[in-house]
Amino acid sequence: MQLKIKPAEDCRYDLVSLGEVMLRLDPGEGRIRTTRQFRAWEGGGEYNVARGLRKCFGMRTGVITAFADNDVGRLVEDCILQGGVDTSLIRWVKYDGIGRTVRNGLNFTERGFGVRGAVGCSDRGITAASQLKPEDIDWDHLFGKLGVQWLHTGGIFASLSATTPETVIAAVESAKKHGTIVSYDLNYRPSLWEGIGGQAKAQEVNRRIAKSVDVMIGNEEDFTACLGLEVEGVDENISNIDVENFKRMIEKAVAEFPNFVATATTLREVHTATVNDWSAIVWYDSKFYESRAYPRLEIMDRVGGGDSFASGLIYGFLTTGDGQKAVDYGAAHGALAMTTPGDTSMATVKEVEKLMGGGGARVVR
């Protein structure tokens, strides 16, 4: 079974993402607890995919999200506009002046170095995006009238509130009805689920959403925590990764969810915060495809690496329909994204294709 992609000329968007976009405050080489200055970026697990597809690969993308209408929200909007992502689908909510009823999300993230791992400290309670409800968006107009080739959303957005799972379900069901491909990144974050039922709730929600997904994406922890699918031989530190064990896990996933047309997982073994082994595998059209391996990849900022993998993967499927090229685009784009700061990719498609072809890091003049 292969992905059925709608003709681009029938669609306003190649991809839209559904999720929260936050203001990321980055202390650079320092630490959150001691810094006196932050660099500001925009970021969000689902949004980063749309941004990468637009900025690196030149595709037409939009973001479905919501902001409190204040200067922080407008700052994030300005960042989105600089990334070229369409903002016409954003919902603006009246701000109450102090954030008692609605606010915008902040994400303080330090990169880590060597034996000190990356640390994230999010401040995202009662955000405008977390209060999105199914009826806030005219899904049939979006997918049926405007036309969208691909919808991307994920487990971060689904974990934000009591209403976001229902919003995701409304979106994916409408997308399926109108022939739009649906991808979903499980993106398990224990801190987000902890206060609303923990891992049991994560599995309840994600297994329900999974029934409407065409392309399921996640790493080794995601499939176990969100879908209850164990990977044999993997310890709590995710060391000694055996690709064959992941293949067996994916075979279980597609047997349990026969609607999955493709399933992708990144493989990351962390030696230190700044040195990781990195690769990916994809199951598509009843075959497994493995990317080029990137052993001992040097990392500047790992946040957003998986999202950049997803955007490269989607680009490969949309433009070639080839499983091997899709996983190679994804792995190369993810690798490059982790060599620059911020959640989002700063790579170009030429750089991605050079790396896919085995190109090195010699100076370019």
Protein backbone atom coordinates (compact mmCIF):
# COMPACT_ATOMS: atom_id res chain seq x y z
CA MET A 1 0.00 0.00 0.00
CA GLN A 2 1.35 3.39 -1.03
CA LEU A 3 0.54 6.97 -0.05
CA LYS A 4 -2.13 8.59 -2.24
CA ILE A 5 -1.09 12.21 -2.62
CA LYS A 6 -3.53 14.80 -3.96
CA PRO A 7 -2.34 16.86 -6.96
CA ALA A 8 -0.54 19.98 -5.79
CA GLU A 9 -2.46 22.17 -8.22
CA ASP A 10 -5.70 21.27 -6.44
CA CYS A 11 -4.36 22.44 -3.08
CA ARG A 12 -3.50 25.76 -1.48
CA TYR A 13 -1.09 24.05 0.93
CA ASP A 14 1.42 21.24 0.56
CA LEU A 15 1.27 20.84 4.35
CA VAL A 16 -0.39 22.38 7.37
CA SER A 17 0.64 21.64 10.94
CA LEU A 18 -1.63 21.65 13.98
CA GLY A 19 0.03 22.47 17.29
CA GLU A 20 1.27 25.05 19.75
CA VAL A 21 4.04 27.49 18.82
CA MET A 22 5.98 28.89 21.76
CA LEU A 23 8.61 31.55 22.27
CA ARG A 24 11.85 29.69 22.96
CA LEU A 25 14.27 31.52 25.23
CA ASP A 26 17.79 30.17 24.75
CA PRO A 27 20.68 30.97 27.13
CA GLY A 28 23.20 29.93 24.48
CA GLU A 29 26.23 28.27 26.02
CA GLY A 30 25.04 29.17 29.52
CA ARG A 31 22.35 27.83 31.83
CA ILE A 32 18.79 28.94 32.42
CA ARG A 33 19.36 29.34 36.15
CA THR A 34 22.37 31.65 35.83
CA THR A 35 22.03 33.52 32.53
CA ARG A 36 21.32 37.22 32.28
CA GLN A 37 20.34 37.17 28.63
CA PHE A 38 18.37 34.92 26.26
CA ARG A 39 18.17 34.64 22.50
CA ALA A 40 14.57 34.39 21.27
CA TRP A 41 13.36 31.81 18.74
CA GLU A 42 10.01 30.34 17.84
CA GLY A 43 9.41 26.63 18.11
CA GLY A 44 6.99 23.80 18.59
CA GLY A 45 7.08 20.09 17.79
CA GLU A 46 4.39 20.25 15.14
CA TYR A 47 5.17 23.73 13.80
CA ASN A 48 8.87 22.95 13.28
CA VAL A 49 7.90 20.48 10.55
CA ALA A 50 5.96 23.12 8.60
CA ARG A 51 8.79 25.59 9.06
CA GLY A 52 11.44 23.15 7.82
CA LEU A 53 9.38 22.20 4.77
CA ARG A 54 8.96 25.87 3.87
CA LYS A 55 12.36 27.31 4.67
CA CYS A 56 14.62 24.42 3.63
CA PHE A 57 12.55 22.68 0.96
CA GLY A 58 10.50 25.57 -0.44
CA MET A 59 7.05 24.01 -0.03
CA ARG A 60 3.78 25.81 0.73
CA THR A 61 2.97 25.43 4.42
CA GLY A 62 0.68 26.90 7.06
CA VAL A 63 0.22 26.52 10.80
CA ILE A 64 -3.01 26.01 12.74
CA THR A 65 -2.50 27.40 16.23
CA ALA A 66 -3.72 30.15 18.57
CA PHE A 67 -2.13 33.07 20.39
CA ALA A 68 -3.19 35.53 23.03
CA ASP A 69 -3.25 38.84 21.19
CA ASN A 70 -0.45 40.70 22.93
CA ASP A 71 3.12 41.68 22.12
CA VAL A 72 4.54 38.25 22.97
CA GLY A 73 2.08 36.62 20.59
CA ARG A 74 2.93 39.15 17.90
CA LEU A 75 6.65 38.50 18.43
CA VAL A 76 6.12 34.77 17.80
CA GLU A 77 4.01 35.65 14.74
CA ASP A 78 6.87 37.79 13.43
CA CYS A 79 9.26 34.85 13.81
CA ILE A 80 6.81 32.60 11.94
CA LEU A 81 6.54 35.15 9.14
CA GLN A 82 10.34 35.25 8.83
CA GLY A 83 10.21 31.48 8.33
CA GLY A 84 7.78 31.89 5.44
CA VAL A 85 4.96 29.85 6.99
CA ASP A 86 1.43 31.10 6.23
CA THR A 87 -0.21 32.67 9.29
CA SER A 88 -3.77 33.07 8.01
CA LEU A 89 -4.93 29.97 9.93
CA ILE A 90 -3.83 31.37 13.32
CA ARG A 91 -6.63 32.12 15.79
CA TRP A 92 -6.14 35.28 17.88
CA VAL A 93 -7.71 35.40 21.34
CA LYS A 94 -8.39 38.61 23.28
CA TYR A 95 -5.81 39.08 26.04
CA ASP A 96 -7.09 39.87 29.53
CA GLY A 97 -4.09 42.03 30.48
CA ILE A 98 -2.42 39.74 33.02
CA GLY A 99 -2.74 36.19 31.71
CA ARG A 100 -5.42 35.03 34.12
CA THR A 101 -7.51 33.32 31.43
CA VAL A 102 -5.22 33.07 28.40
CA ARG A 103 -1.55 33.49 27.64
CA ASN A 104 1.26 32.50 25.27
CA GLY A 105 3.67 29.65 25.88
CA LEU A 106 7.32 30.13 26.84
CA ASN A 107 9.95 27.44 26.46
CA PHE A 108 13.27 27.94 28.27
CA THR A 109 15.75 25.45 26.80
CA GLU A 110 19.46 24.98 27.39
CA ARG A 111 21.44 22.91 24.92
CA GLY A 112 23.64 20.83 27.18
CA PHE A 113 27.28 20.00 26.60
CA GLY A 114 29.36 16.87 27.14
CA VAL A 115 28.16 15.04 30.25
CA ARG A 116 25.52 17.73 30.95
CA GLY A 117 22.34 16.91 29.08
CA ALA A 118 19.97 19.39 27.46
CA VAL A 119 17.29 20.79 29.78
CA GLY A 120 13.85 22.16 28.96
CA CYS A 121 11.68 24.23 31.31
CA SER A 122 8.36 25.11 29.70
CA ASP A 123 5.81 27.63 30.95
CA ARG A 124 2.67 26.89 28.97
CA GLY A 125 -0.35 26.62 31.26
CA ILE A 126 -3.71 27.94 29.93
CA THR A 127 -2.17 29.02 26.63
CA ALA A 128 -4.40 30.03 23.75
CA ALA A 129 -3.32 26.97 21.75
CA SER A 130 -4.09 24.57 24.62
CA GLN A 131 -7.65 25.93 24.68
CA LEU A 132 -8.34 25.21 21.00
CA LYS A 133 -11.53 23.20 20.56
CA PRO A 134 -12.71 21.17 17.53
CA GLU A 135 -15.33 23.75 16.57
CA ASP A 136 -12.79 26.61 16.46
CA ILE A 137 -11.60 25.55 12.99
CA ASP A 138 -13.71 24.88 9.89
CA TRP A 139 -11.96 21.64 9.00
CA ASP A 140 -14.12 20.82 5.99
CA HIS A 141 -13.41 24.25 4.50
CA LEU A 142 -9.68 23.84 5.08
CA PHE A 143 -9.32 20.33 3.67
CA GLY A 144 -12.25 20.29 1.26
CA LYS A 145 -12.29 23.81 -0.19
CA LEU A 146 -8.79 25.20 0.23
CA GLY A 147 -7.13 21.83 -0.24
CA VAL A 148 -4.20 20.40 1.73
CA GLN A 149 -1.90 17.62 0.56
CA TRP A 150 -0.63 16.71 4.03
CA LEU A 151 -1.64 17.37 7.66
CA HIS A 152 0.98 17.00 10.39
CA THR A 153 0.26 17.01 14.11
CA GLY A 154 1.49 15.19 17.17
CA GLY A 155 1.51 14.02 20.74
CA ILE A 156 2.81 17.25 22.24
CA PHE A 157 -0.28 19.17 21.16
CA ALA A 158 -2.55 16.25 22.11
CA SER A 159 -1.21 16.32 25.68
CA LEU A 160 -1.84 20.00 26.45
CA SER A 161 -5.43 19.93 27.77
CA ALA A 162 -8.74 18.11 27.90
CA THR A 163 -9.78 19.64 24.56
CA THR A 164 -6.67 19.19 22.42
CA PRO A 165 -7.12 15.41 21.89
CA GLU A 166 -10.62 16.05 20.55
CA THR A 167 -9.25 18.85 18.36
CA VAL A 168 -6.64 16.48 16.91
CA ILE A 169 -9.27 13.81 16.27
CA ALA A 170 -11.57 16.29 14.51
CA ALA A 171 -8.67 17.41 12.32
CA VAL A 172 -7.40 13.97 11.33
CA GLU A 173 -10.89 12.60 10.65
CA SER A 174 -11.76 15.54 8.40
CA ALA A 175 -8.39 15.28 6.64
CA LYS A 176 -8.97 11.58 5.95
CA LYS A 177 -12.47 12.31 4.62
CA HIS A 178 -11.04 14.76 2.10
CA GLY A 179 -8.11 12.59 1.00
CA THR A 180 -5.39 14.51 2.85
CA ILE A 181 -2.46 12.42 4.14
CA VAL A 182 -2.10 12.50 7.94
CA SER A 183 1.23 12.19 9.75
CA TYR A 184 1.56 12.10 13.52
CA ASP A 185 4.70 12.35 15.64
CA LEU A 186 4.15 10.62 18.98
CA ASN A 187 6.72 12.95 20.63
CA TYR A 188 6.22 11.64 24.18
CA ARG A 189 6.98 14.17 26.91
CA PRO A 190 6.51 12.70 30.42
CA SER A 191 6.23 16.17 31.99
CA LEU A 192 3.21 17.04 29.84
CA TRP A 193 1.27 13.88 30.67
CA GLU A 194 2.23 13.67 34.36
CA GLY A 195 -0.58 15.86 35.68
CA ILE A 196 -3.36 14.45 33.49
CA GLY A 197 -3.06 10.70 33.93
CA GLY A 198 0.53 9.87 33.04
CA GLN A 199 1.54 7.15 30.63
CA ALA A 200 -1.82 5.36 30.87
CA LYS A 201 -3.60 8.48 29.62
CA ALA A 202 -0.97 8.98 26.93
CA GLN A 203 -1.66 5.50 25.60
CA GLU A 204 -5.43 5.94 25.74
CA VAL A 205 -5.29 9.19 23.75
CA ASN A 206 -2.59 8.20 21.26
CA ARG A 207 -4.05 4.78 20.46
CA ARG A 208 -7.34 6.48 19.65
CA ILE A 209 -5.68 9.02 17.38
CA ALA A 210 -3.50 6.35 15.74
CA LYS A 211 -6.56 4.81 14.07
CA SER A 212 -6.71 7.78 11.67
CA VAL A 213 -2.98 8.16 10.93
CA ASP A 214 -1.28 7.30 7.62
CA VAL A 215 2.33 8.01 8.60
CA MET A 216 3.31 7.34 12.22
CA ILE A 217 6.59 8.81 13.43
CA GLY A 218 8.42 8.36 16.73
CA ASN A 219 11.55 7.18 18.45
CA GLU A 220 12.06 4.10 20.60
CA GLU A 221 10.59 5.67 23.76
CA ASP A 222 7.59 7.10 21.91
CA PHE A 223 6.26 3.81 20.56
CA THR A 224 6.57 2.16 23.97
CA ALA A 225 5.12 4.98 26.08
CA CYS A 226 2.36 6.06 23.68
CA LEU A 227 1.26 2.86 21.98
CA GLY A 228 2.44 0.19 24.43
CA LEU A 229 4.75 -1.43 21.86
CA GLU A 230 7.91 -2.73 23.50
CA VAL A 231 11.30 -2.73 21.78
CA GLU A 232 13.28 -5.82 22.75
CA GLY A 233 16.77 -5.45 24.13
CA VAL A 234 16.63 -1.71 24.82
CA ASP A 235 17.48 -0.59 28.36
CA GLU A 236 16.32 2.56 30.12
CA ASN A 237 19.34 4.45 28.80
CA ILE A 238 18.50 3.51 25.17
CA SER A 239 21.95 1.99 24.62
CA ASN A 240 23.08 -0.88 22.37
CA ILE A 241 20.43 -0.17 19.75
CA ASP A 242 19.71 -3.14 17.45
CA VAL A 243 17.88 -2.12 14.27
CA GLU A 244 16.33 -5.57 13.93
CA ASN A 245 14.53 -5.13 17.25
CA PHE A 246 13.00 -1.89 15.99
CA LYS A 247 11.90 -3.59 12.79
CA ARG A 248 10.08 -6.23 14.82
CA MET A 249 8.39 -3.51 16.87
CA ILE A 250 7.26 -1.71 13.70
CA GLU A 251 5.87 -4.97 12.32
CA LYS A 252 3.76 -5.26 15.48
CA ALA A 253 2.62 -1.66 15.05
CA VAL A 254 1.43 -2.08 11.46
CA ALA A 255 -0.28 -5.36 12.34
CA GLU A 256 -2.21 -3.65 15.13
CA PHE A 257 -2.90 -0.49 13.10
CA PRO A 258 -3.37 -1.63 9.49
CA ASN A 259 -4.19 1.97 8.49
CA PHE A 260 -0.48 2.85 8.85
CA VAL A 261 0.86 3.25 5.31
CA ALA A 262 4.32 4.23 6.55
CA THR A 263 6.03 4.09 9.93
CA ALA A 264 9.28 5.87 10.72
CA THR A 265 11.60 5.95 13.69
CA THR A 266 14.81 7.81 14.40
CA LEU A 267 17.60 5.88 16.10
CA ARG A 268 19.71 7.92 18.48
CA GLU A 269 22.35 6.60 20.84
CA VAL A 270 23.57 9.33 23.19
CA HIS A 271 27.26 9.11 24.05
CA THR A 272 27.29 12.67 25.41
CA ALA A 273 25.03 15.68 24.91
CA THR A 274 27.30 16.73 22.07
CA VAL A 275 28.08 13.34 20.49
CA ASN A 276 25.25 11.08 19.28
CA ASP A 277 24.94 8.19 16.87
CA TRP A 278 22.08 9.09 14.51
CA SER A 279 20.13 7.26 11.81
CA ALA A 280 16.57 6.34 10.88
CA ILE A 281 14.43 3.56 9.43
CA VAL A 282 11.12 3.65 7.56
CA TRP A 283 8.63 0.90 6.83
CA TYR A 284 6.75 1.68 3.60
CA ASP A 285 5.00 -0.41 0.94
CA SER A 286 5.78 -3.56 3.00
CA LYS A 287 9.54 -2.89 2.95
CA PHE A 288 12.10 -1.47 5.35
CA TYR A 289 14.42 1.33 4.31
CA GLU A 290 17.44 2.39 6.36
CA SER A 291 19.11 5.77 6.12
CA ARG A 292 22.80 6.38 5.96
CA ALA A 293 24.24 6.12 9.48
CA TYR A 294 25.78 9.18 11.13
CA PRO A 295 28.02 7.71 13.85
CA ARG A 296 29.32 10.04 16.54
CA LEU A 297 27.52 13.02 15.05
CA GLU A 298 28.59 16.25 16.75
CA ILE A 299 25.58 18.12 18.14
CA MET A 300 25.23 21.85 18.76
CA ASP A 301 21.52 21.85 19.67
CA ARG A 302 19.55 18.60 19.57
CA VAL A 303 16.11 20.22 20.02
CA GLY A 304 14.13 19.93 16.79
CA GLY A 305 16.28 17.19 15.25
CA GLY A 306 13.36 14.77 15.14
CA ASP A 307 11.06 17.44 13.71
CA SER A 308 13.58 18.15 10.96
CA PHE A 309 13.73 14.42 10.26
CA ALA A 310 9.95 14.48 9.84
CA SER A 311 10.00 17.43 7.43
CA GLY A 312 12.70 15.82 5.29
CA LEU A 313 10.80 12.53 5.29
CA ILE A 314 7.58 14.26 4.20
CA TYR A 315 9.42 16.18 1.48
CA GLY A 316 10.85 12.93 0.16
CA PHE A 317 7.44 11.29 0.03
CA LEU A 318 5.71 14.31 -1.54
CA THR A 319 8.31 14.81 -4.26
CA THR A 320 9.54 11.28 -5.02
CA GLY A 321 7.16 8.74 -3.46
CA ASP A 322 10.28 6.67 -2.74
CA GLY A 323 10.82 5.19 0.72
CA GLN A 324 14.61 5.16 0.49
CA LYS A 325 14.86 8.78 -0.64
CA ALA A 326 12.33 9.83 2.00
CA VAL A 327 14.29 8.32 4.90
CA ASP A 328 17.56 9.69 3.51
CA TYR A 329 16.15 13.21 3.21
CA GLY A 330 14.81 12.94 6.74
CA ALA A 331 17.98 11.67 8.39
CA ALA A 332 20.24 14.15 6.58
CA HIS A 333 17.98 17.11 7.36
CA GLY A 334 17.74 16.09 11.02
CA ALA A 335 21.51 15.74 11.26
CA LEU A 336 22.11 19.20 9.78
CA ALA A 337 19.44 20.83 11.96
CA MET A 338 21.28 19.69 15.07
CA THR A 339 24.44 21.54 14.00
CA THR A 340 22.80 24.95 14.44
CA PRO A 341 21.04 26.63 17.39
CA GLY A 342 17.27 26.91 17.80
CA ASP A 343 14.36 24.53 17.25
CA THR A 344 14.17 25.06 13.51
CA SER A 345 16.40 24.12 10.61
CA MET A 346 18.87 26.53 9.03
CA ALA A 347 19.85 24.06 6.30
CA THR A 348 19.27 24.39 2.56
CA VAL A 349 18.04 21.63 0.30
CA LYS A 350 21.43 21.68 -1.49
CA GLU A 351 23.19 21.03 1.82
CA VAL A 352 20.77 18.19 2.61
CA GLU A 353 21.32 16.55 -0.76
CA LYS A 354 25.08 16.97 -0.47
CA LEU A 355 25.06 15.18 2.87
CA MET A 356 22.77 12.46 1.51
CA GLY A 357 25.33 11.86 -1.22
CA GLY A 358 28.18 11.44 1.25
CA GLY A 359 29.52 14.98 1.11
CA GLY A 360 31.78 16.08 3.94
CA ALA A 361 32.40 19.23 5.94
CA ARG A 362 35.22 20.73 3.90
CA VAL A 363 35.08 24.50 3.58
CA VAL A 364 32.92 25.83 0.74
CA ARG A 365 34.30 28.93 -0.98
